[in-house]
Amino acid sequence: MTVAIIQIIVGVILVVLIILQERSAGLSGLMGGDSIGFYQTRRGLEKIVFVSTIVFTVIFVGLAVYQLVYA
C-alpha cells in the first residue's frame, strides 16, 4: 500500500517534469526567451529538469517492478 502511494507521487512529479520539457513551451519560453526552433544545449534549470526526469523515471520503473514481483 505504501509503495503504491509513493508510485503515485513519483508519477505526478514525472508528469510535471515531462510537461516542463516541452520544446515549444519550455523553461526558456516561460522565462521570456525566444524559441527559434533549433536545438540548444541544456543549461542551468533545464539541465536539472532533464536529469531529474531520468532519475524519477528510473524510480518509477523500479517501484513498478517491485510491485510486480512482491505484491
Protein backbone atom coordinates (compact mmCIF):
# COMPACT_ATOMS: atom_id res chain seq x y z
CA MET A 1 0.00 0.00 0.00
CA THR A 2 2.79 2.43 0.86
CA VAL A 3 4.64 1.60 -2.36
CA ALA A 4 1.52 2.41 -4.38
CA ILE A 5 1.21 5.84 -2.76
CA ILE A 6 4.88 6.57 -3.39
CA GLN A 7 4.47 5.47 -7.00
CA ILE A 8 1.51 7.84 -7.48
CA ILE A 9 3.52 10.75 -6.06
CA VAL A 10 6.51 9.90 -8.27
CA GLY A 11 4.17 9.62 -11.26
CA VAL A 12 2.70 13.07 -10.68
CA ILE A 13 6.19 14.57 -10.31
CA LEU A 14 7.23 12.79 -13.51
CA VAL A 15 4.27 14.20 -15.45
CA VAL A 16 5.12 17.74 -14.30
CA LEU A 17 8.76 17.31 -15.28
CA ILE A 18 7.82 16.00 -18.73
CA ILE A 19 5.43 18.88 -19.33
CA LEU A 20 8.18 21.35 -18.40
CA GLN A 21 10.46 19.82 -21.05
CA GLU A 22 8.17 20.52 -23.99
CA ARG A 23 10.20 22.47 -26.56
CA SER A 24 7.53 24.98 -27.60
CA ALA A 25 6.63 25.98 -24.03
CA GLY A 26 9.81 25.01 -22.27
CA LEU A 27 11.51 26.79 -19.42
CA SER A 28 13.14 29.30 -21.76
CA GLY A 29 9.75 30.16 -23.19
CA LEU A 30 8.24 30.57 -19.75
CA MET A 31 11.05 32.89 -18.70
CA GLY A 32 10.59 35.17 -21.71
CA GLY A 33 13.17 33.64 -24.03
CA ASP A 34 12.52 33.09 -27.70
CA SER A 35 12.36 29.61 -29.19
CA ILE A 36 13.84 29.84 -32.67
CA GLY A 37 13.40 26.16 -33.35
CA PHE A 38 16.92 24.78 -33.31
CA TYR A 39 18.49 22.55 -30.70
CA GLN A 40 20.20 24.21 -27.78
CA THR A 41 22.48 22.79 -25.12
CA ARG A 42 20.63 22.33 -21.85
CA ARG A 43 21.98 24.64 -19.19
CA GLY A 44 21.04 25.53 -15.67
CA LEU A 45 17.47 24.77 -14.71
CA GLU A 46 16.68 22.94 -17.97
CA LYS A 47 19.53 20.51 -17.34
CA ILE A 48 18.34 19.92 -13.77
CA VAL A 49 14.82 19.19 -15.04
CA PHE A 50 16.19 16.83 -17.70
CA VAL A 51 18.33 14.85 -15.25
CA SER A 52 15.52 14.81 -12.68
CA THR A 53 13.18 13.35 -15.28
CA ILE A 54 15.59 10.49 -15.90
CA VAL A 55 16.02 9.86 -12.17
CA PHE A 56 12.28 9.87 -11.47
CA THR A 57 11.67 7.59 -14.46
CA VAL A 58 14.12 5.03 -13.07
CA ILE A 59 12.49 5.30 -9.63
CA PHE A 60 9.01 4.89 -11.16
CA VAL A 61 10.03 1.80 -13.15
CA GLY A 62 11.80 0.36 -10.11
CA LEU A 63 8.66 0.78 -7.99
CA ALA A 64 6.54 -0.81 -10.72
CA VAL A 65 8.85 -3.84 -10.92
CA TYR A 66 8.91 -4.08 -7.12
CA GLN A 67 5.12 -4.15 -7.02
CA LEU A 68 5.01 -6.72 -9.80
CA VAL A 69 7.41 -9.06 -8.06
CA TYR A 70 6.49 -8.65 -4.40
CA ALA A 71 2.77 -7.83 -4.48
